[in-house]
Protein backbone atom coordinates (compact mmCIF):
# COMPACT_ATOMS: atom_id res chain seq x y z
CA UNK A 1 0.03 -0.08 0.09
CA UNK A 2 1.37 3.57 -0.84
CA UNK A 3 -0.01 6.19 1.50
CA UNK A 4 -0.49 9.73 -0.10
CA UNK A 5 -0.76 13.00 2.02
CA UNK A 6 -3.03 15.55 0.98
CA UNK A 7 -1.54 18.41 2.72
CA UNK A 8 -3.15 20.97 5.10
CA UNK A 9 -6.65 19.14 4.96
CA UNK A 10 -5.15 16.31 7.02
CA UNK A 11 -7.00 14.12 4.55
CA UNK A 12 -4.97 11.00 3.14
CA UNK A 13 -5.67 7.91 1.20
CA UNK A 14 -3.95 4.73 0.30
CA UNK A 15 -3.25 3.99 -3.38
CA UNK A 16 -3.19 0.27 -3.70
CA UNK A 17 -0.32 -0.93 -6.10
CA UNK A 18 -0.91 -3.82 -8.81
CA UNK A 19 -0.49 -7.07 -7.17
CA UNK A 20 0.68 -10.38 -8.55
CA UNK A 21 -1.39 -13.54 -7.53
CA UNK A 22 -0.64 -17.09 -8.41
CA UNK A 23 -2.84 -20.12 -8.76
CA UNK A 24 -0.94 -23.38 -8.50
CA UNK A 25 -3.52 -26.16 -9.77
CA UNK A 26 -2.64 -29.24 -7.71
CA UNK A 27 -6.06 -30.96 -8.06
CA UNK A 28 -5.16 -33.74 -10.46
CA UNK A 29 -5.89 -37.36 -9.55
CA UNK A 30 -2.75 -38.90 -11.33
CA UNK A 31 -4.69 -41.85 -12.95
CA UNK A 32 -2.06 -41.81 -15.85
CA UNK A 33 0.80 -41.89 -13.31
CA UNK A 34 -0.55 -45.19 -11.57
CA UNK A 35 0.55 -44.49 -8.10
CA UNK A 36 -1.21 -44.99 -4.78
CA UNK A 37 -1.22 -41.07 -4.25
CA UNK A 38 -1.88 -38.18 -6.95
CA UNK A 39 1.65 -37.42 -8.58
CA UNK A 40 1.70 -33.78 -6.93
CA UNK A 41 2.57 -35.83 -3.86
CA UNK A 42 5.30 -38.12 -5.12
CA UNK A 43 8.79 -37.36 -4.11
CA UNK A 44 11.17 -36.00 -6.71
CA UNK A 45 14.79 -36.04 -5.36
CA UNK A 46 13.51 -36.49 -1.90
CA UNK A 47 10.73 -33.67 -1.74
CA UNK A 48 7.11 -33.74 -2.89
CA UNK A 49 6.68 -32.52 -6.38
CA UNK A 50 4.14 -29.96 -5.17
CA UNK A 51 6.53 -28.53 -2.53
CA UNK A 52 9.26 -27.89 -5.44
CA UNK A 53 6.81 -26.23 -7.56
CA UNK A 54 5.28 -23.97 -4.62
CA UNK A 55 8.98 -22.68 -3.59
CA UNK A 56 9.69 -21.76 -6.98
CA UNK A 57 6.55 -20.04 -7.69
CA UNK A 58 6.52 -18.08 -4.37
CA UNK A 59 10.17 -17.22 -4.81
CA UNK A 60 9.46 -15.31 -8.29
CA UNK A 61 8.10 -12.17 -6.54
CA UNK A 62 4.48 -12.79 -5.83
CA UNK A 63 2.16 -11.25 -3.49
CA UNK A 64 -0.24 -14.02 -2.84
CA UNK A 65 -0.72 -17.74 -3.52
CA UNK A 66 -3.87 -19.96 -3.84
CA UNK A 67 -3.24 -23.73 -3.96
CA UNK A 68 -6.17 -25.50 -5.59
CA UNK A 69 -6.04 -29.06 -4.14
CA UNK A 70 -7.51 -32.43 -4.95
CA UNK A 71 -10.62 -32.45 -2.86
CA UNK A 72 -9.43 -35.61 -1.14
CA UNK A 73 -5.99 -34.41 -0.37
CA UNK A 74 -6.73 -31.16 1.25
CA UNK A 75 -5.17 -32.02 4.52
CA UNK A 76 -1.95 -33.36 3.03
CA UNK A 77 -1.78 -30.26 0.66
CA UNK A 78 -2.15 -27.81 3.58
CA UNK A 79 0.46 -29.81 5.76
CA UNK A 80 2.84 -29.24 2.68
CA UNK A 81 2.12 -25.69 2.62
CA UNK A 82 2.39 -25.00 6.45
CA UNK A 83 5.85 -26.66 6.39
CA UNK A 84 7.06 -24.94 3.41
CA UNK A 85 7.56 -21.54 5.04
CA UNK A 86 6.90 -19.90 1.57
CA UNK A 87 6.86 -16.21 2.88
CA UNK A 88 3.73 -14.92 1.09
CA UNK A 89 0.19 -15.40 2.27
CA UNK A 90 -1.22 -18.68 0.92
CA UNK A 91 -4.45 -20.51 0.98
CA UNK A 92 -5.73 -23.86 0.00
CA UNK A 93 -8.90 -24.50 -1.79
CA UNK A 94 -10.64 -27.56 -3.12
CA UNK A 95 -10.46 -28.15 -6.69
CA UNK A 96 -13.26 -29.24 -9.12
CA UNK A 97 -13.73 -32.26 -11.43
CA UNK A 98 -11.77 -30.62 -14.48
CA UNK A 99 -9.08 -28.41 -14.68
CA UNK A 100 -11.29 -25.26 -15.61
CA UNK A 101 -13.39 -26.01 -12.75
CA UNK A 102 -10.34 -25.99 -10.39
CA UNK A 103 -9.05 -22.76 -11.90
CA UNK A 104 -12.55 -21.16 -11.50
CA UNK A 105 -12.74 -22.05 -7.62
CA UNK A 106 -9.07 -20.69 -7.41
CA UNK A 107 -9.94 -17.28 -8.99
CA UNK A 108 -13.07 -17.15 -6.44
CA UNK A 109 -10.49 -17.44 -3.67
CA UNK A 110 -8.45 -14.45 -4.83
CA UNK A 111 -8.59 -11.07 -3.37
CA UNK A 112 -7.69 -9.34 -6.78
CA UNK A 113 -8.47 -6.01 -8.52
CA UNK A 114 -9.68 -6.09 -12.10
CA UNK A 115 -6.11 -4.81 -13.29
CA UNK A 116 -4.00 -7.26 -10.96
CA UNK A 117 -2.08 -9.98 -12.40
CA UNK A 118 -2.79 -13.64 -12.10
CA UNK A 119 -0.38 -16.33 -12.81
CA UNK A 120 -1.67 -20.13 -13.37
CA UNK A 121 0.89 -23.02 -13.00
CA UNK A 122 0.49 -26.59 -13.01
CA UNK A 123 1.94 -28.16 -9.58
CA UNK A 124 3.43 -30.99 -11.63
CA UNK A 125 5.89 -28.60 -13.56
CA UNK A 126 8.49 -28.34 -10.57
CA UNK A 127 11.37 -27.70 -12.45
CA UNK A 128 10.12 -24.55 -13.99
CA UNK A 129 12.95 -21.60 -13.96
CA UNK A 130 12.32 -18.64 -12.03
CA UNK A 131 13.19 -16.49 -15.13
CA UNK A 132 10.45 -18.20 -17.03
CA UNK A 133 7.77 -17.11 -14.36
CA UNK A 134 9.11 -13.67 -14.57
CA UNK A 135 9.13 -13.65 -18.36
CA UNK A 136 5.53 -14.48 -18.24
CA UNK A 137 4.89 -11.55 -15.88
CA UNK A 138 7.06 -8.83 -17.34
CA UNK A 139 4.92 -8.07 -20.72
CA UNK A 140 1.87 -7.47 -18.43
CA UNK A 141 3.70 -5.59 -15.89
CA UNK A 142 5.08 -3.11 -18.60
CA UNK A 143 1.46 -2.76 -20.27
CA UNK A 144 2.63 -4.70 -23.55
CA UNK A 145 0.07 -7.25 -23.23
CA UNK A 146 -3.11 -8.58 -21.27
CA UNK A 147 -2.06 -12.09 -21.14
CA UNK A 148 0.87 -14.44 -21.86
CA UNK A 149 1.29 -17.98 -22.84
CA UNK A 150 4.60 -19.92 -22.06
CA UNK A 151 5.77 -21.70 -24.94
CA UNK A 152 8.62 -23.58 -26.53
CA UNK A 153 9.59 -24.77 -30.13
CA UNK A 154 9.07 -28.39 -31.23
CA UNK A 155 11.70 -30.14 -32.86
CA UNK A 156 9.63 -32.95 -34.05
CA UNK A 157 7.73 -32.83 -37.25
CA UNK A 158 3.93 -32.36 -36.73
CA UNK A 159 1.51 -34.61 -38.55
CA UNK A 160 -2.10 -34.19 -38.84
CA UNK A 161 -4.10 -37.63 -38.97
CA UNK A 162 -7.54 -38.55 -39.52
CA UNK A 163 -8.24 -42.05 -38.48
CA UNK A 164 -4.91 -43.83 -39.78
CA UNK A 165 -4.46 -41.65 -42.69
CA UNK A 166 -1.92 -39.00 -42.68
CA UNK A 167 -3.62 -35.92 -44.20
CA UNK A 168 -1.29 -32.86 -43.78
CA UNK A 169 2.48 -31.98 -42.42
CA UNK A 170 2.19 -28.46 -41.20
CA UNK A 171 4.88 -26.19 -41.34
CA UNK A 172 6.43 -26.66 -37.96
CA UNK A 173 8.08 -23.29 -37.50
CA UNK A 174 4.46 -21.93 -37.02
CA UNK A 175 3.76 -23.97 -33.99
CA UNK A 176 4.93 -24.06 -30.44
CA UNK A 177 4.37 -26.51 -27.37
CA UNK A 178 2.41 -24.79 -24.61
CA UNK A 179 3.71 -24.85 -20.96
CA UNK A 180 2.73 -23.12 -17.98
CA UNK A 181 2.52 -20.59 -16.41
CA UNK A 182 -0.04 -18.77 -18.17
CA UNK A 183 -0.49 -15.20 -16.98
CA UNK A 184 -3.31 -12.72 -17.27
CA UNK A 185 -4.99 -9.36 -16.10
CA UNK A 186 -7.37 -10.40 -13.73
CA UNK A 187 -10.32 -8.95 -15.71
CA UNK A 188 -9.27 -11.01 -18.62
CA UNK A 189 -9.44 -14.27 -16.67
CA UNK A 190 -12.54 -13.47 -14.82
CA UNK A 191 -14.47 -12.38 -17.89
CA UNK A 192 -13.28 -15.43 -19.98
CA UNK A 193 -14.47 -17.74 -17.28
CA UNK A 194 -17.90 -16.22 -16.89
CA UNK A 195 -18.48 -16.48 -20.57
CA UNK A 196 -17.29 -19.85 -20.79
CA UNK A 197 -19.44 -20.82 -17.97
CA UNK A 198 -22.53 -19.39 -19.55
CA UNK A 199 -21.80 -21.08 -22.90
CA UNK A 200 -21.22 -24.37 -20.91
CA UNK A 201 -17.67 -24.41 -22.31
CA UNK A 202 -15.67 -25.51 -19.36
CA UNK A 203 -13.88 -28.31 -20.93
CA UNK A 204 -10.57 -26.55 -22.30
CA UNK A 205 -7.21 -28.22 -21.17
CA UNK A 206 -5.83 -24.75 -20.64
CA UNK A 207 -6.63 -21.01 -19.83
CA UNK A 208 -5.46 -19.38 -22.85
CA UNK A 209 -7.86 -21.54 -25.07
CA UNK A 210 -10.68 -20.15 -23.15
CA UNK A 211 -9.32 -16.44 -23.32
CA UNK A 212 -8.90 -16.75 -27.12
CA UNK A 213 -12.50 -18.13 -27.52
CA UNK A 214 -14.33 -15.89 -25.24
CA UNK A 215 -12.28 -12.54 -25.01
CA UNK A 216 -10.76 -12.39 -28.48
CA UNK A 217 -9.72 -8.92 -28.67
CA UNK A 218 -7.14 -8.99 -25.69
CA UNK A 219 -3.29 -8.61 -26.35
CA UNK A 220 -2.06 -12.23 -25.80
CA UNK A 221 1.54 -12.87 -26.40
CA UNK A 222 3.99 -15.75 -26.43
CA UNK A 223 7.00 -15.74 -24.09
CA UNK A 224 9.86 -18.17 -23.99
CA UNK A 225 9.56 -21.43 -21.80
CA UNK A 226 12.32 -23.74 -21.11
CA UNK A 227 12.86 -27.51 -22.04
CA UNK A 228 13.37 -28.42 -18.31
CA UNK A 229 9.99 -27.06 -17.48
CA UNK A 230 8.32 -30.53 -18.35
CA UNK A 231 5.00 -31.57 -17.08
CA UNK A 232 5.33 -35.04 -15.01
CA UNK A 233 2.38 -37.01 -16.20
CA UNK A 234 4.10 -40.57 -16.26
CA UNK A 235 6.75 -42.50 -14.58
CA UNK A 236 9.10 -41.83 -17.43
CA UNK A 237 8.61 -38.02 -17.04
CA UNK A 238 9.55 -38.66 -13.15
CA UNK A 239 12.78 -40.37 -14.27
CA UNK A 240 13.58 -37.57 -16.56
CA UNK A 241 12.99 -34.72 -13.98
CA UNK A 242 15.10 -36.50 -11.43
CA UNK A 243 17.98 -36.83 -13.87
CA UNK A 244 17.37 -33.13 -14.89
CA UNK A 245 17.88 -32.22 -10.99
CA UNK A 246 21.05 -34.36 -10.79
CA UNK A 247 22.53 -32.89 -13.98
CA UNK A 248 21.39 -29.42 -13.60
CA UNK A 249 24.53 -27.02 -13.88
CA UNK A 250 25.18 -23.52 -13.99
CA UNK A 251 27.49 -21.56 -16.35
CA UNK A 252 30.45 -19.80 -15.31
CA UNK A 253 29.00 -16.56 -15.36
CA UNK A 254 25.79 -17.34 -13.46
CA UNK A 255 26.61 -16.77 -9.75
CA UNK A 256 25.87 -13.33 -8.88
CA UNK A 257 27.94 -12.38 -5.90
CA UNK A 258 26.03 -10.94 -3.05
CA UNK A 259 28.50 -10.76 -0.12
CA UNK A 260 32.10 -9.93 0.38
CA UNK A 261 35.25 -11.74 1.27
CA UNK A 262 36.59 -9.09 3.28
CA UNK A 263 37.59 -10.55 6.57
CA UNK A 264 35.71 -13.92 5.62
CA UNK A 265 37.30 -17.11 7.38
CA UNK A 266 38.19 -19.38 4.52
CA UNK A 267 39.56 -22.92 4.96
CA UNK A 268 40.67 -24.82 1.89
CA UNK A 269 41.20 -28.35 2.18
CA UNK A 270 43.43 -29.90 -0.74
CA UNK A 271 44.89 -26.34 -1.08
CA UNK A 272 48.48 -26.94 -1.15
CA UNK A 273 48.72 -26.95 -5.01
CA UNK A 274 46.82 -27.02 -8.13
CA UNK A 275 43.12 -25.42 -8.15
CA UNK A 276 43.01 -25.55 -4.42
CA UNK A 277 46.12 -23.56 -4.04
CA UNK A 278 44.80 -21.01 -6.62
CA UNK A 279 41.57 -20.66 -4.71
CA UNK A 280 43.35 -19.92 -1.47
CA UNK A 281 45.60 -17.15 -3.22
CA UNK A 282 42.53 -15.62 -4.73
CA UNK A 283 40.61 -15.52 -1.51
CA UNK A 284 43.59 -13.99 0.12
CA UNK A 285 43.76 -11.30 -2.42
CA UNK A 286 40.12 -10.58 -1.82
CA UNK A 287 40.67 -9.76 1.84
CA UNK A 288 40.00 -13.08 3.47
CA UNK A 289 41.77 -14.85 5.97
CA UNK A 290 42.82 -18.33 4.72
CA UNK A 291 43.99 -21.59 6.11
CA UNK A 292 45.13 -24.13 3.75
CA UNK A 293 45.81 -27.88 4.48
CA UNK A 294 46.41 -30.91 2.09
CA UNK A 295 48.51 -33.86 1.29
CA UNK A 296 51.80 -31.55 1.43
CA UNK A 297 51.03 -30.30 4.98
CA UNK A 298 50.45 -33.86 6.02
CA UNK A 299 46.79 -34.01 6.13
CA UNK A 300 44.88 -37.10 4.83
CA UNK A 301 41.25 -36.59 4.11
CA UNK A 302 40.81 -40.19 5.00
CA UNK A 303 41.48 -39.70 8.65
CA UNK A 304 38.43 -38.31 10.08
CA UNK A 305 39.50 -37.62 13.36
CA UNK A 306 42.45 -35.63 11.97
CA UNK A 307 40.26 -33.63 9.60
CA UNK A 308 38.18 -32.82 12.76
CA UNK A 309 41.15 -31.76 15.00
CA UNK A 310 42.39 -29.58 12.00
CA UNK A 311 39.03 -28.03 11.53
CA UNK A 312 38.70 -27.03 14.90
CA UNK A 313 41.97 -25.71 15.32
CA UNK A 314 41.43 -23.35 12.21
CA UNK A 315 38.14 -22.24 13.84
CA UNK A 316 39.76 -21.42 17.07
CA UNK A 317 42.46 -19.54 15.40
CA UNK A 318 39.93 -17.44 13.38
CA UNK A 319 37.06 -17.31 15.80
CA UNK A 320 34.90 -19.41 13.55
CA UNK A 321 34.74 -20.82 9.95
CA UNK A 322 32.53 -18.98 7.14
CA UNK A 323 33.60 -20.95 4.04
CA UNK A 324 34.99 -24.64 3.88
CA UNK A 325 36.26 -25.44 0.15
CA UNK A 326 37.18 -29.11 -0.40
CA UNK A 327 39.33 -29.64 -3.57
CA UNK A 328 41.13 -32.85 -2.26
CA UNK A 329 41.07 -35.82 -4.75
CA UNK A 330 42.99 -38.59 -6.16
CA UNK A 331 43.00 -40.16 -9.85
CA UNK A 332 44.20 -43.40 -10.92
CA UNK A 333 44.18 -44.17 -14.73
CA UNK A 334 44.04 -47.48 -16.04
CA UNK A 335 41.67 -50.53 -16.90
CA UNK A 336 39.63 -51.35 -13.85
CA UNK A 337 40.04 -55.15 -14.11
CA UNK A 338 43.96 -54.50 -13.94
CA UNK A 339 43.69 -52.46 -10.77
CA UNK A 340 43.93 -53.63 -7.38
CA UNK A 341 41.36 -53.65 -4.61
CA UNK A 342 43.51 -51.37 -2.68
CA UNK A 343 44.00 -49.03 -5.69
CA UNK A 344 40.24 -48.67 -6.39
CA UNK A 345 39.47 -48.28 -2.51
CA UNK A 346 41.97 -45.33 -2.56
CA UNK A 347 40.08 -43.43 -5.01
CA UNK A 348 36.60 -43.93 -3.32
CA UNK A 349 37.92 -43.18 0.22
CA UNK A 350 39.74 -40.04 -0.73
CA UNK A 351 37.24 -38.71 -3.18
CA UNK A 352 34.07 -39.70 -1.49
CA UNK A 353 34.63 -40.87 2.21
CA UNK A 354 37.09 -37.93 2.34
CA UNK A 355 34.72 -35.55 1.21
CA UNK A 356 32.03 -36.70 3.77
CA UNK A 357 34.56 -36.49 6.64
CA UNK A 358 35.40 -32.91 5.70
CA UNK A 359 31.70 -32.08 5.71
CA UNK A 360 31.11 -33.55 8.95
CA UNK A 361 33.90 -31.72 10.58
CA UNK A 362 32.58 -28.57 8.95
CA UNK A 363 28.97 -28.76 9.90
CA UNK A 364 29.00 -27.27 13.59
CA UNK A 365 31.36 -24.34 12.37
CA UNK A 366 29.26 -23.43 9.45
CA UNK A 367 26.01 -23.93 11.20
CA UNK A 368 27.48 -21.33 13.55
CA UNK A 369 28.31 -18.98 10.79
CA UNK A 370 25.75 -19.72 8.45
CA UNK A 371 28.32 -20.35 5.95
CA UNK A 372 29.28 -22.24 2.83
CA UNK A 373 30.50 -25.49 1.90
CA UNK A 374 31.84 -26.13 -1.68
CA UNK A 375 33.22 -29.41 -3.10
CA UNK A 376 34.81 -30.29 -6.31
CA UNK A 377 33.32 -32.66 -9.00
CA UNK A 378 34.72 -32.99 -12.44
CA UNK A 379 33.57 -32.78 -16.03
CA UNK A 380 33.51 -36.65 -15.99
CA UNK A 381 30.86 -36.71 -13.14
CA UNK A 382 28.15 -36.90 -15.79
CA UNK A 383 29.40 -40.02 -17.70
CA UNK A 384 31.69 -42.70 -16.69
CA UNK A 385 34.76 -42.70 -18.47
CA UNK A 386 36.89 -45.64 -19.67
CA UNK A 387 40.21 -46.25 -17.90
CA UNK A 388 39.23 -44.09 -14.98
CA UNK A 389 35.96 -45.75 -13.99
CA UNK A 390 36.52 -45.20 -10.24
CA UNK A 391 37.22 -41.65 -10.38
CA UNK A 392 34.41 -40.90 -12.68
CA UNK A 393 31.95 -42.73 -10.27
CA UNK A 394 33.42 -40.98 -7.41
CA UNK A 395 32.74 -37.41 -8.72
CA UNK A 396 29.24 -38.37 -9.57
CA UNK A 397 29.02 -39.35 -5.87
CA UNK A 398 30.45 -36.07 -4.83
CA UNK A 399 27.76 -34.23 -6.96
CA UNK A 400 25.04 -36.33 -5.05
CA UNK A 401 26.68 -35.54 -1.66
CA UNK A 402 26.51 -31.87 -2.40
CA UNK A 403 23.01 -31.86 -3.46
CA UNK A 404 21.82 -33.98 -0.62
CA UNK A 405 23.72 -31.98 2.02
CA UNK A 406 22.33 -28.87 0.23
CA UNK A 407 18.65 -29.97 1.35
CA UNK A 408 19.85 -31.63 4.63
CA UNK A 409 21.30 -28.29 5.92
CA UNK A 410 19.17 -25.72 4.37
CA UNK A 411 17.26 -25.31 7.76
CA UNK A 412 20.58 -24.35 9.38
CA UNK A 413 21.27 -21.85 6.32
CA UNK A 414 24.11 -23.43 5.31
CA UNK A 415 24.98 -23.24 1.49
CA UNK A 416 26.38 -26.40 -0.21
CA UNK A 417 27.44 -26.58 -3.91
CA UNK A 418 29.75 -28.50 -6.46
CA UNK A 419 32.15 -26.94 -8.85
CA UNK A 420 32.72 -29.01 -12.09
CA UNK A 421 35.71 -27.86 -13.98
CA UNK A 422 36.57 -28.85 -17.65
CA UNK A 423 40.14 -30.23 -18.11
CA UNK A 424 42.28 -27.99 -15.87
CA UNK A 425 46.17 -27.61 -16.21
CA UNK A 426 46.81 -28.80 -12.81
CA UNK A 427 49.91 -31.11 -11.34
CA UNK A 428 47.34 -34.05 -11.05
CA UNK A 429 46.22 -33.68 -14.47
CA UNK A 430 49.85 -33.53 -15.85
CA UNK A 431 50.75 -36.68 -13.72
CA UNK A 432 47.85 -38.51 -14.91
CA UNK A 433 48.01 -37.51 -18.81
CA UNK A 434 51.67 -36.75 -19.32
CA UNK A 435 51.39 -36.69 -22.92
CA UNK A 436 48.13 -34.50 -23.18
CA UNK A 437 48.09 -31.24 -25.13
CA UNK A 438 47.46 -28.28 -22.78
CA UNK A 439 45.89 -26.45 -25.71
CA UNK A 440 42.42 -25.03 -24.61
CA UNK A 441 42.81 -26.21 -21.06
CA UNK A 442 41.34 -24.03 -18.07
CA UNK A 443 44.11 -22.41 -15.86
CA UNK A 444 43.57 -23.07 -12.00
CA UNK A 445 43.13 -19.25 -11.63
CA UNK A 446 40.08 -19.38 -14.09
CA UNK A 447 38.52 -22.10 -11.67
CA UNK A 448 39.37 -20.12 -8.55
CA UNK A 449 37.69 -16.98 -9.88
CA UNK A 450 34.36 -18.78 -10.68
CA UNK A 451 34.71 -20.68 -7.31
CA UNK A 452 34.93 -17.46 -5.36
CA UNK A 453 31.94 -15.94 -7.22
CA UNK A 454 29.95 -19.03 -6.05
CA UNK A 455 30.66 -18.88 -2.33
CA UNK A 456 29.95 -15.33 -2.47
CA UNK A 457 26.48 -15.74 -4.06
CA UNK A 458 23.31 -17.15 -2.38
CA UNK A 459 22.89 -20.24 -4.31
CA UNK A 460 22.81 -23.83 -2.67
CA UNK A 461 22.28 -27.18 -4.11
CA UNK A 462 23.88 -26.15 -7.61
CA UNK A 463 26.55 -27.47 -9.84
CA UNK A 464 28.90 -24.96 -11.27
CA UNK A 465 30.20 -25.93 -14.82
CA UNK A 466 33.41 -24.10 -15.38
CA UNK A 467 34.32 -24.28 -19.02
CA UNK A 468 36.10 -22.68 -21.74
CA UNK A 469 33.44 -22.14 -24.57
CA UNK A 470 36.14 -21.31 -27.04
CA UNK A 471 38.28 -24.29 -26.50
CA UNK A 472 39.20 -26.52 -29.24
CA UNK A 473 37.62 -29.80 -29.45
CA UNK A 474 39.96 -32.53 -27.91
CA UNK A 475 39.55 -35.94 -26.49
CA UNK A 476 38.60 -35.66 -22.72
CA UNK A 477 41.74 -37.16 -21.26
CA UNK A 478 41.22 -40.55 -22.43
CA UNK A 479 44.51 -42.26 -22.09
CA UNK A 480 46.06 -43.81 -25.28
CA UNK A 481 46.03 -47.60 -25.50
CA UNK A 482 49.22 -49.29 -23.99
CA UNK A 483 50.25 -46.22 -22.03
CA UNK A 484 51.83 -46.94 -18.90
CA UNK A 485 49.75 -45.92 -15.63
CA UNK A 486 51.18 -43.17 -13.78
CA UNK A 487 51.53 -43.01 -10.01
CA UNK A 488 48.52 -41.59 -8.25
CA UNK A 489 48.65 -37.82 -7.53
CA UNK A 490 46.72 -36.10 -4.73
CA UNK A 491 46.03 -32.46 -4.30
C-alpha cells in the first residue's frame, strides 16, 4: 500500500499498487501416473513435487498464492504448505472435477482487483525456472500485453492424422508447445470464465484457450519457456525430471556475488597445490583470512579424526569458519580390471569418504556462521569414462553429496554447492596424462575466480560448470592404448 498525504486538509488515502497473484493447480488425480497417491505428492529427488513447485512460484516475486487441491487431499496439501515457509500469504482451496473448474474455484478465492496480475501454473511442473515465471509476468506488468502464454519450439515434425490416414504435414516453424505459467490481467481471466460458464464451455485443457474463445480482442503474447519445464504425467517423466535435477549445472558467469570476502574466514582442504592453491591465493587477495591444508602439509582426508582436529584448530584461530572448500582428490588411470582392490579403494576413500569426513567436521562451524561448503566434481561426473571408472564414479557421488547436503543443511542456512571444471592444467592432471596437449585447458586461476563468485552468492544445491566455451575440441583425457599407468597424484 502507498499512503498519499493531501496536505493541510489532513486527509489521506491509500493507493493500492498492482499485485501479482498465483494459482498453483494441484487438483489432479494422477490416474495416468498409476501411483497410490496423486503425482503432485510423489517425491522427486527427496521432496514432494508440489513442494518444489510452490517454492519456485513463491520465490518469483508474487504477493499472494492460492493452491487448488484435490478435494480428497486437502489435509496433505495444507501440511506441505504449512511446512514450506513460503513467505507469502497462501490459502488452500478444493478443486473441481476438471482443470477449468479448479481454476474457477481458485479465482473465487483470490482477493484481486481487475488490473491485478494472475499467474496460473501446474503443480506438476516443478522444474520451471524462476526466469520463465518472470518472463510471463513482464509483458503484462509493462503494459505490453493483457496475457501471456509460455511456449517452446517443437523439434519434431507435426503430422495431422484423420483415423489412420496422414492428411497434412504443417510447417513446424509456426507451431509451439504450450507450458505453464499462463498469466493474465484478472479481468481478462474472470471475463473468459464467466462467458465460458454461461456457454457451458468449461472443457478446455488450458486457460489461454478459453481467453482466445471468449475474450478474442485481448493482447495475448507468447513468451519463451524452457525444455526443463516438463510436466510430470508418467513415471518416465519422473525419471527424466530426477535426472535433470541431478545434472543441472550453472554456467561460469551465472553466480551473482551478493556478499564480500573481506575478513571472511576460509579453509581450503586440498589447497596446497593446483586449483585449491589458486582458490586460497585468490581469496587472500580479496581480503579473506585463509587457512590451507592438504597432502603436502601432512593431511589425509581419510583420517576423520585428523580432519576434525584440523578444522577445530582453524576455527579456534579465526574465531569461526565462514567457508570450507574441499578440492582434495586422487585419480588413478588404467583399466579397472587391472587395478588392485587397494587402488580402487583409495580413489573412493579419498574422493567420496574424504569429502564426507570434511563435511561432517565442517558442519558445526558452518552452522554457527551460516556459511558455505563447496566440493569439487569433474566434467567426468556426468558420464563414466573408460580407464578412470572409479574416478568418474567418485565424482558423480560427490555431486550427489553436495545436492543431498544442500537439502539436509538448508534449515541451518548452510549453502552447499559443487564445482565441475573442465580439463584444468593442474599437477594432478599432468601426472595422470603426461602426453596430453595443454591447448584449450582451463587454468587454475580461472576455476578459482568462478569458485569465489559461487561462495559469495546465495546459491545452494547447484553444480557450477566451469568451462572454456572457445576451447578447441579435444579428447577428454582418455589415455592412449598401451600407456603405462602413472602413479596416483593427490592435491
